[in-house]
N, C-alpha and C. Protein backbone atom coordinates (compact mmCIF):
# COMPACT_ATOMS: atom_id res chain seq x y z
N MET A 1 0.85 -1.19 0.00
CA MET A 1 0.00 0.00 0.00
C MET A 1 0.89 1.24 0.00
N LYS A 2 0.53 2.19 -0.83
CA LYS A 2 1.31 3.42 -0.97
C LYS A 2 0.47 4.60 -0.52
N HIS A 3 1.16 5.72 -0.24
CA HIS A 3 0.46 6.93 0.22
C HIS A 3 -0.59 7.40 -0.78
N ASN A 4 -0.30 7.28 -2.04
CA ASN A 4 -1.25 7.76 -3.04
C ASN A 4 -2.45 6.83 -3.20
N GLU A 5 -2.40 5.65 -2.58
CA GLU A 5 -3.52 4.73 -2.67
C GLU A 5 -4.46 4.82 -1.46
N LEU A 6 -4.05 5.61 -0.45
CA LEU A 6 -4.87 5.74 0.76
C LEU A 6 -6.09 6.60 0.49
N SER A 7 -7.24 6.19 0.98
CA SER A 7 -8.44 7.02 0.87
C SER A 7 -9.36 6.71 2.05
N PRO A 8 -10.18 7.68 2.45
CA PRO A 8 -11.09 7.43 3.57
C PRO A 8 -12.16 6.41 3.20
N ALA A 9 -12.79 5.84 4.22
CA ALA A 9 -13.84 4.86 3.99
C ALA A 9 -14.99 5.50 3.24
N PRO A 10 -15.66 4.77 2.37
CA PRO A 10 -16.78 5.35 1.61
C PRO A 10 -17.88 5.83 2.55
N GLY A 11 -18.33 7.06 2.34
CA GLY A 11 -19.41 7.64 3.15
C GLY A 11 -18.94 8.33 4.42
N SER A 12 -17.63 8.29 4.72
CA SER A 12 -17.16 8.91 5.95
C SER A 12 -16.87 10.40 5.78
N LYS A 13 -16.70 10.86 4.55
CA LYS A 13 -16.43 12.28 4.30
C LYS A 13 -17.60 12.87 3.54
N LYS A 14 -18.08 14.03 4.00
CA LYS A 14 -19.17 14.72 3.30
C LYS A 14 -18.67 16.08 2.86
N ASP A 15 -19.13 16.53 1.72
CA ASP A 15 -18.80 17.88 1.27
C ASP A 15 -19.55 18.87 2.15
N ARG A 16 -18.91 20.02 2.43
CA ARG A 16 -19.58 21.02 3.25
C ARG A 16 -20.68 21.69 2.45
N LYS A 17 -21.69 22.20 3.18
CA LYS A 17 -22.82 22.86 2.53
C LYS A 17 -22.37 24.26 2.10
N ARG A 18 -22.42 24.55 0.78
CA ARG A 18 -22.02 25.87 0.28
C ARG A 18 -23.29 26.70 0.12
N VAL A 19 -23.50 27.61 1.04
CA VAL A 19 -24.72 28.41 1.03
C VAL A 19 -24.47 29.76 0.36
N GLY A 20 -25.57 30.37 -0.08
CA GLY A 20 -25.46 31.69 -0.70
C GLY A 20 -24.83 31.66 -2.08
N ARG A 21 -24.98 30.57 -2.84
CA ARG A 21 -24.37 30.47 -4.16
C ARG A 21 -25.44 30.37 -5.24
N GLY A 22 -26.58 31.08 -5.03
CA GLY A 22 -27.62 31.11 -6.05
C GLY A 22 -28.74 30.14 -5.76
N ASN A 23 -29.94 30.48 -6.27
CA ASN A 23 -31.11 29.66 -6.00
C ASN A 23 -31.05 28.29 -6.67
N GLY A 24 -30.30 28.17 -7.71
CA GLY A 24 -30.18 26.88 -8.39
C GLY A 24 -29.53 25.82 -7.51
N SER A 25 -28.72 26.25 -6.54
CA SER A 25 -28.05 25.29 -5.66
C SER A 25 -29.00 24.75 -4.59
N GLY A 26 -30.13 25.43 -4.41
CA GLY A 26 -31.05 25.04 -3.35
C GLY A 26 -30.74 25.70 -2.03
N HIS A 27 -29.61 26.43 -1.97
CA HIS A 27 -29.22 27.09 -0.73
C HIS A 27 -28.93 28.57 -0.98
N GLY A 28 -29.75 29.20 -1.81
CA GLY A 28 -29.53 30.61 -2.14
C GLY A 28 -30.39 31.51 -1.27
N THR A 29 -30.61 32.74 -1.70
CA THR A 29 -31.41 33.78 -1.08
C THR A 29 -31.23 33.89 0.43
N TYR A 30 -31.90 33.04 1.21
CA TYR A 30 -31.78 33.17 2.68
C TYR A 30 -30.67 32.31 3.26
N SER A 31 -29.98 31.57 2.45
CA SER A 31 -28.83 30.76 2.87
C SER A 31 -29.16 29.83 4.04
N CYS A 32 -30.30 29.14 3.94
CA CYS A 32 -30.72 28.14 4.94
C CYS A 32 -31.03 28.72 6.30
N ARG A 33 -31.23 30.06 6.40
CA ARG A 33 -31.48 30.68 7.70
C ARG A 33 -32.95 31.00 7.92
N GLY A 34 -33.79 30.85 6.95
CA GLY A 34 -35.16 31.30 7.09
C GLY A 34 -35.25 32.79 6.80
N SER A 35 -36.46 33.36 6.91
CA SER A 35 -36.60 34.75 6.49
C SER A 35 -36.39 35.77 7.60
N LYS A 36 -36.97 35.56 8.78
CA LYS A 36 -36.86 36.58 9.83
C LYS A 36 -36.54 35.91 11.16
N GLY A 37 -36.22 36.73 12.12
CA GLY A 37 -35.99 36.24 13.47
C GLY A 37 -34.54 36.37 13.89
N GLN A 38 -34.32 36.12 15.17
CA GLN A 38 -32.99 36.33 15.74
C GLN A 38 -31.93 35.48 15.05
N LYS A 39 -32.27 34.25 14.71
CA LYS A 39 -31.26 33.36 14.13
C LYS A 39 -30.98 33.66 12.66
N SER A 40 -31.78 34.52 12.04
CA SER A 40 -31.50 34.86 10.64
C SER A 40 -30.55 36.05 10.54
N ARG A 41 -30.38 36.77 11.65
CA ARG A 41 -29.55 37.99 11.62
C ARG A 41 -28.07 37.64 11.77
N SER A 42 -27.22 38.58 11.35
CA SER A 42 -25.80 38.36 11.57
C SER A 42 -25.51 38.60 13.05
N GLY A 43 -24.70 37.76 13.62
CA GLY A 43 -24.40 37.86 15.05
C GLY A 43 -25.52 37.38 15.93
N GLY A 44 -26.54 36.77 15.35
CA GLY A 44 -27.71 36.36 16.14
C GLY A 44 -27.52 35.01 16.78
N LYS A 45 -26.53 34.91 17.66
CA LYS A 45 -26.28 33.65 18.34
C LYS A 45 -26.77 33.76 19.78
N MET A 46 -27.21 32.64 20.32
CA MET A 46 -27.65 32.60 21.70
C MET A 46 -26.74 31.65 22.48
N ARG A 47 -26.60 31.91 23.76
CA ARG A 47 -25.72 31.06 24.58
C ARG A 47 -26.33 29.66 24.70
N PRO A 48 -25.54 28.67 25.01
CA PRO A 48 -26.08 27.32 25.20
C PRO A 48 -27.10 27.30 26.33
N GLY A 49 -28.21 26.65 26.12
CA GLY A 49 -29.25 26.56 27.14
C GLY A 49 -30.26 27.68 27.10
N PHE A 50 -30.08 28.67 26.21
CA PHE A 50 -31.03 29.78 26.12
C PHE A 50 -32.31 29.30 25.48
N GLU A 51 -33.46 29.66 26.09
CA GLU A 51 -34.76 29.19 25.59
C GLU A 51 -35.68 30.36 25.29
N GLY A 52 -35.13 31.44 24.76
CA GLY A 52 -35.95 32.56 24.33
C GLY A 52 -36.53 33.36 25.48
N GLY A 53 -35.92 33.34 26.64
CA GLY A 53 -36.41 34.08 27.78
C GLY A 53 -37.22 33.23 28.74
N GLN A 54 -37.69 32.09 28.27
CA GLN A 54 -38.36 31.13 29.17
C GLN A 54 -37.34 30.63 30.19
N LEU A 55 -37.81 30.30 31.39
CA LEU A 55 -36.89 29.77 32.40
C LEU A 55 -36.27 28.48 31.87
N PRO A 56 -34.95 28.46 31.70
CA PRO A 56 -34.32 27.32 31.05
C PRO A 56 -34.44 26.03 31.86
N LEU A 57 -34.36 24.93 31.16
CA LEU A 57 -34.47 23.62 31.78
C LEU A 57 -33.43 23.43 32.88
N ILE A 58 -32.23 23.95 32.66
CA ILE A 58 -31.15 23.77 33.64
C ILE A 58 -31.47 24.46 34.96
N LYS A 59 -32.30 25.52 34.91
CA LYS A 59 -32.70 26.19 36.16
C LYS A 59 -33.96 25.59 36.74
N ARG A 60 -34.75 24.92 35.91
CA ARG A 60 -35.99 24.32 36.40
C ARG A 60 -35.76 23.00 37.10
N LEU A 61 -34.67 22.30 36.77
CA LEU A 61 -34.42 20.98 37.34
C LEU A 61 -33.21 21.03 38.27
N PRO A 62 -33.44 21.08 39.57
CA PRO A 62 -32.30 21.21 40.48
C PRO A 62 -31.37 20.00 40.45
N ARG A 63 -31.87 18.82 40.06
CA ARG A 63 -31.00 17.64 40.06
C ARG A 63 -29.85 17.77 39.07
N LYS A 64 -30.03 18.66 38.10
CA LYS A 64 -28.96 18.85 37.13
C LYS A 64 -27.79 19.64 37.71
N ARG A 65 -28.04 20.34 38.81
CA ARG A 65 -26.99 21.18 39.40
C ARG A 65 -26.57 20.67 40.77
N GLY A 66 -27.01 19.49 41.16
CA GLY A 66 -26.72 18.99 42.49
C GLY A 66 -27.84 19.38 43.43
N PHE A 67 -27.85 18.78 44.61
CA PHE A 67 -28.91 19.04 45.56
C PHE A 67 -28.40 18.74 46.95
N THR A 68 -29.19 19.10 47.96
CA THR A 68 -28.84 18.80 49.33
C THR A 68 -29.67 17.61 49.78
N ASN A 69 -28.99 16.56 50.15
CA ASN A 69 -29.67 15.36 50.60
C ASN A 69 -30.17 15.57 52.03
N ILE A 70 -31.50 15.61 52.20
CA ILE A 70 -32.05 15.90 53.53
C ILE A 70 -31.93 14.70 54.47
N PHE A 71 -31.61 13.54 53.93
CA PHE A 71 -31.48 12.34 54.76
C PHE A 71 -30.02 12.02 55.10
N LYS A 72 -29.09 12.90 54.74
CA LYS A 72 -27.68 12.65 55.00
C LYS A 72 -27.43 12.58 56.50
N GLN A 73 -26.67 11.59 56.92
CA GLN A 73 -26.37 11.41 58.34
C GLN A 73 -25.12 12.21 58.68
N GLN A 74 -25.24 13.18 59.56
CA GLN A 74 -24.12 13.99 60.01
C GLN A 74 -23.56 13.38 61.29
N PHE A 75 -22.25 13.18 61.33
CA PHE A 75 -21.61 12.58 62.49
C PHE A 75 -20.83 13.61 63.29
N SER A 76 -20.72 13.39 64.61
CA SER A 76 -19.75 14.09 65.42
C SER A 76 -18.49 13.25 65.37
N ILE A 77 -17.40 13.85 64.90
CA ILE A 77 -16.16 13.11 64.66
C ILE A 77 -15.23 13.25 65.85
N VAL A 78 -14.68 12.11 66.30
CA VAL A 78 -13.65 12.11 67.34
C VAL A 78 -12.51 11.26 66.82
N ASN A 79 -11.28 11.79 66.88
CA ASN A 79 -10.12 11.05 66.41
C ASN A 79 -9.44 10.33 67.57
N ILE A 80 -8.68 9.29 67.26
CA ILE A 80 -7.98 8.47 68.26
C ILE A 80 -7.05 9.34 69.10
N GLN A 81 -6.39 10.31 68.45
CA GLN A 81 -5.43 11.14 69.18
C GLN A 81 -6.13 11.97 70.27
N ASP A 82 -7.42 12.26 70.10
CA ASP A 82 -8.15 13.03 71.11
C ASP A 82 -8.44 12.20 72.36
N LEU A 83 -8.45 10.87 72.22
CA LEU A 83 -8.77 10.01 73.35
C LEU A 83 -7.61 9.86 74.32
N SER A 84 -6.41 10.39 73.95
CA SER A 84 -5.25 10.25 74.82
C SER A 84 -5.33 11.12 76.06
N LEU A 85 -6.33 12.01 76.15
CA LEU A 85 -6.46 12.82 77.37
C LEU A 85 -7.14 12.06 78.50
N PHE A 86 -7.73 10.89 78.20
CA PHE A 86 -8.34 10.06 79.24
C PHE A 86 -7.29 9.15 79.88
N GLU A 87 -7.51 8.81 81.15
CA GLU A 87 -6.61 7.91 81.88
C GLU A 87 -6.71 6.50 81.29
N PRO A 88 -5.64 5.69 81.43
CA PRO A 88 -5.73 4.30 80.98
C PRO A 88 -6.83 3.54 81.72
N GLU A 89 -7.37 2.52 81.07
CA GLU A 89 -8.44 1.66 81.62
C GLU A 89 -9.76 2.41 81.85
N THR A 90 -9.94 3.57 81.22
CA THR A 90 -11.17 4.33 81.38
C THR A 90 -12.23 3.82 80.42
N GLU A 91 -13.48 3.83 80.88
CA GLU A 91 -14.60 3.52 79.99
C GLU A 91 -15.13 4.84 79.44
N ILE A 92 -15.01 4.99 78.14
CA ILE A 92 -15.40 6.25 77.50
C ILE A 92 -16.73 6.04 76.79
N ASP A 93 -17.70 6.90 77.12
CA ASP A 93 -18.97 6.87 76.40
C ASP A 93 -19.29 8.29 75.93
N ILE A 94 -20.46 8.47 75.36
CA ILE A 94 -20.81 9.75 74.74
C ILE A 94 -20.86 10.87 75.77
N THR A 95 -21.37 10.59 76.98
CA THR A 95 -21.43 11.64 77.99
C THR A 95 -20.04 12.09 78.42
N LYS A 96 -19.08 11.16 78.52
CA LYS A 96 -17.70 11.56 78.86
C LYS A 96 -17.06 12.37 77.75
N LEU A 97 -17.41 12.06 76.50
CA LEU A 97 -16.89 12.85 75.38
C LEU A 97 -17.43 14.27 75.41
N ILE A 98 -18.70 14.42 75.83
CA ILE A 98 -19.29 15.77 75.95
C ILE A 98 -18.62 16.54 77.08
N GLU A 99 -18.41 15.88 78.23
CA GLU A 99 -17.76 16.52 79.38
C GLU A 99 -16.34 16.96 79.03
N ALA A 100 -15.65 16.16 78.22
CA ALA A 100 -14.27 16.50 77.83
C ALA A 100 -14.23 17.57 76.76
N GLY A 101 -15.39 17.91 76.17
CA GLY A 101 -15.45 18.94 75.14
C GLY A 101 -15.08 18.44 73.76
N LEU A 102 -15.05 17.12 73.56
CA LEU A 102 -14.70 16.57 72.26
C LEU A 102 -15.88 16.58 71.30
N ILE A 103 -17.10 16.49 71.82
CA ILE A 103 -18.30 16.65 71.00
C ILE A 103 -19.23 17.63 71.70
N LYS A 104 -20.18 18.19 70.96
CA LYS A 104 -21.03 19.24 71.52
C LYS A 104 -22.30 18.71 72.14
N SER A 105 -22.95 17.74 71.48
CA SER A 105 -24.23 17.27 72.01
C SER A 105 -24.49 15.84 71.59
N LYS A 106 -25.59 15.28 72.12
CA LYS A 106 -25.97 13.91 71.79
C LYS A 106 -26.86 13.85 70.56
N SER A 107 -27.11 14.99 69.92
CA SER A 107 -28.06 15.03 68.81
C SER A 107 -27.53 14.34 67.55
N ARG A 108 -26.21 14.22 67.44
CA ARG A 108 -25.62 13.53 66.28
C ARG A 108 -24.94 12.25 66.74
N PRO A 109 -24.90 11.24 65.87
CA PRO A 109 -24.16 10.03 66.22
C PRO A 109 -22.66 10.30 66.24
N VAL A 110 -21.94 9.56 67.06
CA VAL A 110 -20.50 9.76 67.22
C VAL A 110 -19.76 8.71 66.42
N LYS A 111 -18.77 9.16 65.65
CA LYS A 111 -17.93 8.23 64.90
C LYS A 111 -16.48 8.44 65.31
N ILE A 112 -15.80 7.33 65.60
CA ILE A 112 -14.40 7.38 66.00
C ILE A 112 -13.55 7.10 64.76
N LEU A 113 -12.63 8.03 64.45
CA LEU A 113 -11.74 7.89 63.31
C LEU A 113 -10.31 7.68 63.79
N ALA A 114 -9.42 7.26 62.88
CA ALA A 114 -8.11 6.74 63.27
C ALA A 114 -6.96 7.72 63.18
N ARG A 115 -7.20 9.02 63.11
CA ARG A 115 -6.07 9.96 63.03
C ARG A 115 -5.31 9.98 64.35
N GLY A 116 -4.01 9.83 64.28
CA GLY A 116 -3.17 9.83 65.48
C GLY A 116 -2.94 8.43 66.01
N ASP A 117 -2.28 8.36 67.18
CA ASP A 117 -1.96 7.08 67.80
C ASP A 117 -2.55 7.01 69.19
N LEU A 118 -2.74 5.78 69.66
CA LEU A 118 -3.28 5.53 71.00
C LEU A 118 -2.28 4.65 71.73
N ASP A 119 -1.86 5.08 72.94
CA ASP A 119 -0.84 4.34 73.68
C ASP A 119 -1.37 3.75 74.98
N ARG A 120 -2.68 3.76 75.19
CA ARG A 120 -3.26 3.27 76.44
C ARG A 120 -4.52 2.45 76.16
N PRO A 121 -4.77 1.45 77.00
CA PRO A 121 -5.98 0.65 76.80
C PRO A 121 -7.22 1.40 77.28
N LEU A 122 -8.21 1.52 76.41
CA LEU A 122 -9.45 2.22 76.74
C LEU A 122 -10.64 1.37 76.27
N THR A 123 -11.74 1.50 76.98
CA THR A 123 -12.99 0.90 76.53
C THR A 123 -13.83 2.02 75.95
N VAL A 124 -14.02 2.01 74.65
CA VAL A 124 -14.69 3.11 73.96
C VAL A 124 -16.05 2.63 73.45
N SER A 125 -17.10 3.36 73.80
CA SER A 125 -18.41 3.06 73.23
C SER A 125 -18.88 4.27 72.43
N ALA A 126 -19.20 4.01 71.16
CA ALA A 126 -19.66 5.06 70.25
C ALA A 126 -20.60 4.42 69.24
N ASN A 127 -21.16 5.25 68.37
CA ASN A 127 -22.13 4.74 67.40
C ASN A 127 -21.46 4.04 66.22
N GLN A 128 -20.30 4.56 65.79
CA GLN A 128 -19.59 3.92 64.68
C GLN A 128 -18.09 4.07 64.87
N PHE A 129 -17.34 3.14 64.27
CA PHE A 129 -15.88 3.16 64.29
C PHE A 129 -15.39 2.90 62.87
N SER A 130 -14.30 3.58 62.48
CA SER A 130 -13.68 3.21 61.22
C SER A 130 -12.88 1.93 61.45
N LYS A 131 -12.57 1.21 60.38
CA LYS A 131 -11.83 -0.05 60.52
C LYS A 131 -10.47 0.18 61.16
N ALA A 132 -9.78 1.26 60.72
CA ALA A 132 -8.45 1.56 61.24
C ALA A 132 -8.52 1.94 62.71
N ALA A 133 -9.56 2.70 63.10
CA ALA A 133 -9.70 3.09 64.51
C ALA A 133 -9.97 1.87 65.36
N ARG A 134 -10.80 0.98 64.86
CA ARG A 134 -11.12 -0.27 65.58
C ARG A 134 -9.84 -1.06 65.85
N SER A 135 -8.99 -1.20 64.81
CA SER A 135 -7.76 -1.99 64.98
C SER A 135 -6.76 -1.29 65.89
N LYS A 136 -6.69 0.05 65.86
CA LYS A 136 -5.75 0.77 66.72
C LYS A 136 -6.15 0.67 68.19
N ILE A 137 -7.44 0.76 68.47
CA ILE A 137 -7.91 0.66 69.86
C ILE A 137 -7.62 -0.75 70.40
N GLU A 138 -7.91 -1.77 69.59
CA GLU A 138 -7.67 -3.14 70.03
C GLU A 138 -6.19 -3.45 70.12
N ALA A 139 -5.35 -2.84 69.27
CA ALA A 139 -3.91 -3.05 69.33
C ALA A 139 -3.31 -2.43 70.59
N ALA A 140 -3.94 -1.37 71.11
CA ALA A 140 -3.46 -0.72 72.34
C ALA A 140 -3.94 -1.46 73.58
N GLY A 141 -4.70 -2.55 73.39
CA GLY A 141 -5.18 -3.32 74.53
C GLY A 141 -6.57 -2.93 74.98
N GLY A 142 -7.25 -2.07 74.23
CA GLY A 142 -8.58 -1.62 74.61
C GLY A 142 -9.66 -2.44 73.94
N SER A 143 -10.89 -2.01 74.14
CA SER A 143 -12.02 -2.69 73.51
C SER A 143 -13.03 -1.65 73.04
N ILE A 144 -13.92 -2.08 72.15
CA ILE A 144 -14.92 -1.16 71.63
C ILE A 144 -16.31 -1.73 71.86
N GLN A 145 -17.29 -0.82 71.91
CA GLN A 145 -18.69 -1.20 71.99
C GLN A 145 -19.45 -0.29 71.04
N GLU A 146 -20.15 -0.89 70.08
CA GLU A 146 -20.97 -0.10 69.16
C GLU A 146 -22.34 0.08 69.74
N VAL A 147 -22.77 1.34 69.88
CA VAL A 147 -24.07 1.68 70.43
C VAL A 147 -24.98 2.10 69.27
N PRO A 148 -26.17 1.54 69.12
CA PRO A 148 -27.05 1.98 68.02
C PRO A 148 -27.50 3.41 68.24
N PHE A 149 -27.75 4.10 67.12
CA PHE A 149 -28.21 5.49 67.20
C PHE A 149 -29.58 5.59 66.58
N GLY A 150 -30.46 6.30 67.21
CA GLY A 150 -31.80 6.52 66.69
C GLY A 150 -32.68 7.06 67.79
N PRO A 151 -33.96 7.33 67.48
CA PRO A 151 -34.84 7.86 68.51
C PRO A 151 -35.04 6.84 69.63
N GLY A 152 -34.83 7.29 70.84
CA GLY A 152 -35.04 6.45 72.01
C GLY A 152 -33.84 5.61 72.39
N THR A 153 -32.72 5.71 71.63
CA THR A 153 -31.55 4.89 71.97
C THR A 153 -30.49 5.66 72.72
N VAL A 154 -30.46 6.99 72.57
CA VAL A 154 -29.41 7.78 73.23
C VAL A 154 -29.98 8.47 74.43
């Protein structure tokens, strides 16, 4: 095969539409623009999504722009490094975390995360634990207790 024998696949290339070349071409006079209106004028372009002044679809449908999930579970976060202020062999629950100032209230479930290190055995009870936090607490000789969260449980 030589360079001069190369050609595109049949039907893959189309000739461009040559407008304004006389009525015999079928694309004369108005050059495929119609007779009147914004789109027939020179410079008569509209931005993407413009619907002639009507409230555009993108503004009518909030899901297209993201939304706020009203069922999202917000957690009070406590890191492992924050638990080092408690004495060894202490049983830590949500009320002790509030007294220590690590969380503000019981209205949100408490989740223990693994940032930092723990050098003392503690018994920690919270609503959720990350896998890494669970392993760090148990590696320090402590234990965990998962407490369910919901109406009537806290």
